[in-house]
Amino acid sequence: MALVEVRGVVKKFGDTTVLDGIDFDVEEHQVVCLIGASGSGKSTLLRCINGLEATQEGTVTVVGRKVIQDDIKLNRLRRDVGIVFQAYNLFPHMTVLENVMLAPVKVLHLSKSEAKTRARELLARIGMADKADEYPDRLSGGQQQRVAIVRALAMQPKLMLLDEITSALDPELVNEVLLMMIELAEQGMTMVVATHEMGFARDVAHKVCFLHSGRIIEEGHPKKIFTTPTHERTSEFLRRTLESGQM
């Protein structure tokens, strides 16, 4: 059974259909990249997987549990699913260490000592042990985003959802976040990544899904999608991306 199963999902905001009959699977240890123009539905799909948005039709199953709008069941789901957005959303009044410790203490009921040990180990893995006592406003954008990823990893999730997490960064800071994502992929973390970083999608993903107007109109191995796309919309998107220097 796939770690994530999405079947016939429809999501509307008012009269606007944002997701229009989405079907796709994510296997354990896979990296699946969602690509497509802004407004194609990538971010909304991630939010539906995590239960942040309710769907009008279809089903989403994550780690063997159907995603339904029930607070208790959603809280259980979110223990297994980490999500990171382009806005880092670190708590400004807490140190880096306190940001990473918070959820394991509050949600997993770890002792502060155990949570602190886990947080320090994770920060050391990304070369930020020396930033543990800093406040977020003393960090670069890239460092803040890496802390946001570590904060999600501190919950030991089975699945990570990453929503355009490099798009708000200055170009010189993007690479440090991409390297961290590559390391997670190499460690076998299951990830669904909405991204404009075509190099990452091409080189790291096991599967790429191209979204257009709320539909997955083409999906497959990155080599197939990037070298021999079959849909005209996919070819046009990749051509424009190449011309803009994003590949």
Protein backbone atom coordinates (compact mmCIF):
# COMPACT_ATOMS: atom_id res chain seq x y z
CA MET A 1 0.00 0.00 0.00
CA ALA A 2 1.28 3.45 -0.92
CA LEU A 3 2.18 5.85 1.89
CA VAL A 4 -0.06 8.47 0.25
CA GLU A 5 -3.09 7.69 -1.93
CA VAL A 6 -5.08 10.50 -3.52
CA ARG A 7 -8.22 9.50 -5.41
CA GLY A 8 -10.55 11.79 -7.35
CA VAL A 9 -9.84 14.84 -5.21
CA VAL A 10 -11.77 18.01 -6.02
CA LYS A 11 -11.16 21.24 -4.12
CA LYS A 12 -13.06 24.46 -4.73
CA PHE A 13 -12.81 27.94 -3.30
CA GLY A 14 -16.23 29.41 -3.97
CA ASP A 15 -16.93 28.92 -7.67
CA THR A 16 -13.25 28.37 -8.50
CA THR A 17 -12.09 24.77 -8.92
CA VAL A 18 -8.49 24.57 -7.73
CA LEU A 19 -8.08 20.78 -7.83
CA ASP A 20 -10.08 18.93 -10.45
CA GLY A 21 -10.04 15.16 -10.03
CA ILE A 22 -6.53 14.52 -8.72
CA ASP A 23 -5.24 10.93 -8.55
CA PHE A 24 -1.73 10.03 -7.48
CA ASP A 25 0.31 7.81 -5.16
CA VAL A 26 3.49 8.26 -3.17
CA GLU A 27 5.41 5.15 -2.16
CA GLU A 28 7.50 4.94 0.99
CA HIS A 29 11.00 6.48 0.53
CA GLN A 30 9.95 8.18 -2.71
CA VAL A 31 10.61 11.82 -3.55
CA VAL A 32 7.73 13.16 -5.65
CA CYS A 33 8.03 16.66 -7.11
CA LEU A 34 5.00 18.70 -8.11
CA ILE A 35 5.81 21.19 -10.86
CA GLY A 36 3.72 23.66 -12.78
CA ALA A 37 2.98 27.35 -13.03
CA SER A 38 1.88 29.38 -10.03
CA GLY A 39 -1.83 28.79 -9.42
CA SER A 40 -1.81 25.28 -10.87
CA GLY A 41 -2.83 23.70 -7.55
CA LYS A 42 0.48 22.43 -6.14
CA SER A 43 0.26 24.12 -2.74
CA THR A 44 -3.43 23.32 -2.33
CA LEU A 45 -2.73 19.65 -3.01
CA LEU A 46 -0.12 19.59 -0.24
CA ARG A 47 -2.55 21.26 2.15
CA CYS A 48 -5.21 18.67 1.33
CA ILE A 49 -2.76 15.84 2.03
CA ASN A 50 -2.11 17.30 5.48
CA GLY A 51 -5.77 18.06 6.15
CA LEU A 52 -5.22 21.82 6.24
CA GLU A 53 -7.83 22.11 3.48
CA ALA A 54 -11.01 20.05 3.26
CA THR A 55 -11.87 18.48 -0.09
CA GLN A 56 -15.32 18.56 -1.69
CA GLU A 57 -14.90 15.21 -3.46
CA GLY A 58 -12.53 12.27 -3.41
CA THR A 59 -10.35 10.72 -0.72
CA VAL A 60 -6.87 11.23 0.66
CA THR A 61 -5.24 8.37 2.57
CA VAL A 62 -1.96 8.93 4.42
CA VAL A 63 -0.07 6.21 6.30
CA GLY A 64 -3.15 3.99 6.04
CA ARG A 65 -5.56 6.58 7.49
CA LYS A 66 -8.16 8.56 5.58
CA VAL A 67 -7.79 12.30 6.00
CA ILE A 68 -11.05 13.64 7.40
CA GLN A 69 -11.93 16.90 9.12
CA ASP A 70 -11.87 15.65 12.69
CA ASP A 71 -9.54 17.43 15.12
CA ILE A 72 -8.45 14.32 17.02
CA LYS A 73 -7.76 12.32 13.86
CA LEU A 74 -6.00 15.26 12.19
CA ASN A 75 -3.73 15.68 15.20
CA ARG A 76 -2.78 12.00 14.96
CA LEU A 77 -2.14 12.40 11.24
CA ARG A 78 0.10 15.42 11.74
CA ARG A 79 2.36 13.50 14.06
CA ASP A 80 3.34 11.47 11.00
CA VAL A 81 3.35 14.31 8.46
CA GLY A 82 5.67 17.30 8.59
CA ILE A 83 4.95 20.33 6.43
CA VAL A 84 7.21 23.31 5.72
CA PHE A 85 6.09 26.43 3.86
CA GLN A 86 8.01 29.16 2.06
CA ALA A 87 7.39 31.40 5.09
CA TYR A 88 9.55 29.92 7.82
CA ASN A 89 6.98 30.64 10.61
CA LEU A 90 9.54 30.30 13.40
CA PHE A 91 8.43 31.71 16.73
CA PRO A 92 10.38 34.98 17.03
CA HIS A 93 10.33 35.04 20.85
CA MET A 94 11.95 31.59 21.09
CA THR A 95 15.53 30.57 20.43
CA VAL A 96 16.36 28.14 17.65
CA LEU A 97 16.63 25.33 20.21
CA GLU A 98 13.28 26.20 21.79
CA ASN A 99 11.60 26.30 18.36
CA VAL A 100 12.82 22.78 17.58
CA MET A 101 11.92 21.43 21.05
CA LEU A 102 8.39 22.81 21.26
CA ALA A 103 6.31 20.27 19.31
CA PRO A 104 8.03 17.13 20.67
CA VAL A 105 7.34 18.37 24.21
CA LYS A 106 3.77 19.57 23.60
CA VAL A 107 2.57 16.91 21.14
CA LEU A 108 4.74 13.83 21.73
CA HIS A 109 5.05 14.54 25.48
CA LEU A 110 8.81 14.08 25.47
CA SER A 111 10.65 15.32 28.52
CA LYS A 112 12.43 18.64 28.01
CA SER A 113 15.74 16.86 28.48
CA GLU A 114 14.98 14.29 25.77
CA ALA A 115 13.60 16.93 23.40
CA LYS A 116 16.66 19.11 23.94
CA THR A 117 19.00 16.22 23.16
CA ARG A 118 17.08 15.41 19.97
CA ALA A 119 17.04 19.08 18.92
CA ARG A 120 20.77 19.51 19.47
CA GLU A 121 21.52 16.35 17.48
CA LEU A 122 19.42 17.58 14.55
CA LEU A 123 20.99 21.04 14.60
CA ALA A 124 24.46 19.47 14.70
CA ARG A 125 23.61 17.36 11.63
CA ILE A 126 22.98 20.51 9.59
CA GLY A 127 25.98 22.39 10.95
CA MET A 128 23.95 24.78 13.09
CA ALA A 129 24.76 23.60 16.60
CA ASP A 130 26.37 26.97 17.28
CA LYS A 131 23.07 28.74 16.48
CA ALA A 132 21.00 26.88 19.10
CA ASP A 133 20.73 29.87 21.44
CA GLU A 134 20.21 32.48 18.73
CA TYR A 135 16.84 34.05 17.99
CA PRO A 136 15.40 33.73 14.45
CA ASP A 137 15.96 37.39 13.56
CA ARG A 138 19.71 36.82 13.92
CA LEU A 139 19.71 34.15 11.20
CA SER A 140 19.80 34.42 7.42
CA GLY A 141 16.75 33.35 5.43
CA GLY A 142 18.45 30.11 4.45
CA GLN A 143 19.33 29.34 8.05
CA GLN A 144 15.77 30.05 9.17
CA GLN A 145 14.38 27.72 6.52
CA ARG A 146 16.77 24.96 7.56
CA VAL A 147 15.64 25.39 11.16
CA ALA A 148 12.01 25.15 9.97
CA ILE A 149 12.85 21.82 8.30
CA VAL A 150 14.63 20.58 11.42
CA ARG A 151 11.64 21.62 13.54
CA ALA A 152 9.44 19.37 11.37
CA LEU A 153 11.99 16.53 11.50
CA ALA A 154 12.07 16.68 15.31
CA MET A 155 8.63 15.04 15.24
CA GLN A 156 10.17 12.06 13.40
CA PRO A 157 7.57 12.15 10.61
CA LYS A 158 7.02 9.39 8.09
CA LEU A 159 6.29 11.97 5.37
CA MET A 160 7.53 15.50 4.66
CA LEU A 161 5.57 18.00 2.56
CA LEU A 162 7.68 20.91 1.30
CA ASP A 163 5.85 23.84 -0.26
CA GLU A 164 8.07 26.07 -2.42
CA ILE A 165 10.50 26.35 0.48
CA THR A 166 13.23 28.07 -1.55
CA SER A 167 11.07 30.58 -3.42
CA ALA A 168 11.32 33.34 -0.79
CA LEU A 169 15.10 33.02 -0.42
CA ASP A 170 17.79 35.15 -2.00
CA PRO A 171 19.47 33.18 -4.82
CA GLU A 172 22.73 32.74 -2.90
CA LEU A 173 20.86 31.06 -0.02
CA VAL A 174 18.87 28.57 -2.09
CA ASN A 175 21.67 26.04 -2.43
CA GLU A 176 22.11 25.41 1.30
CA VAL A 177 18.43 24.46 1.58
CA LEU A 178 18.54 22.28 -1.55
CA LEU A 179 21.57 20.43 -0.18
CA MET A 180 19.63 19.68 2.98
CA MET A 181 16.70 18.36 0.92
CA ILE A 182 19.08 16.16 -1.09
CA GLU A 183 20.52 14.75 2.15
CA LEU A 184 17.01 13.92 3.38
CA ALA A 185 16.27 12.14 0.10
CA GLU A 186 19.48 10.13 0.40
CA GLN A 187 18.46 9.11 3.93
CA GLY A 188 15.19 7.69 2.57
CA MET A 189 12.76 10.35 3.78
CA THR A 190 9.48 10.22 1.86
CA MET A 191 8.84 13.70 0.47
CA VAL A 192 6.28 15.48 -1.68
CA VAL A 193 7.83 18.72 -2.90
CA ALA A 194 6.07 21.58 -4.67
CA THR A 195 8.92 23.37 -6.39
CA HIS A 196 10.17 25.67 -9.11
CA GLU A 197 13.68 24.21 -8.69
CA MET A 198 13.74 22.13 -11.85
CA GLY A 199 17.29 20.91 -11.29
CA PHE A 200 16.25 19.34 -7.99
CA ALA A 201 13.16 17.77 -9.56
CA ARG A 202 15.18 16.39 -12.47
CA ASP A 203 18.11 15.04 -10.44
CA VAL A 204 16.57 13.95 -7.12
CA ALA A 205 12.90 13.04 -7.63
CA HIS A 206 11.74 9.49 -8.27
CA LYS A 207 8.58 10.85 -9.89
CA VAL A 208 7.50 14.23 -11.27
CA CYS A 209 3.88 15.36 -11.59
CA PHE A 210 3.08 18.32 -13.84
CA LEU A 211 -0.03 20.22 -12.76
CA HIS A 212 -2.03 22.53 -15.00
CA SER A 213 -5.35 24.14 -14.06
CA GLY A 214 -5.82 21.84 -11.08
CA ARG A 215 -5.10 18.59 -12.91
CA ILE A 216 -2.09 16.31 -13.13
CA ILE A 217 -1.80 16.17 -16.89
CA GLU A 218 1.51 14.29 -17.01
CA GLU A 219 3.54 12.28 -14.52
CA GLY A 220 6.44 9.90 -14.66
CA HIS A 221 10.17 9.45 -14.17
CA PRO A 222 12.06 12.77 -14.33
CA LYS A 223 14.08 11.65 -17.34
CA LYS A 224 10.90 11.04 -19.30
CA ILE A 225 9.21 14.27 -18.20
CA PHE A 226 12.21 16.50 -18.83
CA THR A 227 13.50 14.95 -22.06
CA THR A 228 10.45 13.50 -23.82
CA PRO A 229 7.27 15.07 -22.40
CA THR A 230 4.14 13.89 -24.18
CA HIS A 231 1.78 16.76 -23.38
CA GLU A 232 2.02 20.09 -25.18
CA ARG A 233 1.43 22.01 -21.94
CA THR A 234 4.35 20.24 -20.26
CA SER A 235 6.66 21.03 -23.18
CA GLU A 236 5.63 24.69 -23.14
CA PHE A 237 6.15 24.99 -19.37
CA LEU A 238 9.61 23.42 -19.56
CA ARG A 239 10.57 25.60 -22.52
CA ARG A 240 9.60 28.76 -20.63
CA THR A 241 11.40 27.52 -17.54
CA LEU A 242 14.56 26.89 -19.55
CA GLU A 243 14.38 30.36 -21.09
CA SER A 244 14.03 31.95 -17.65
CA GLY A 245 17.19 30.20 -16.47
CA GLN A 246 15.55 27.96 -13.86
CA MET A 247 16.98 24.77 -15.38
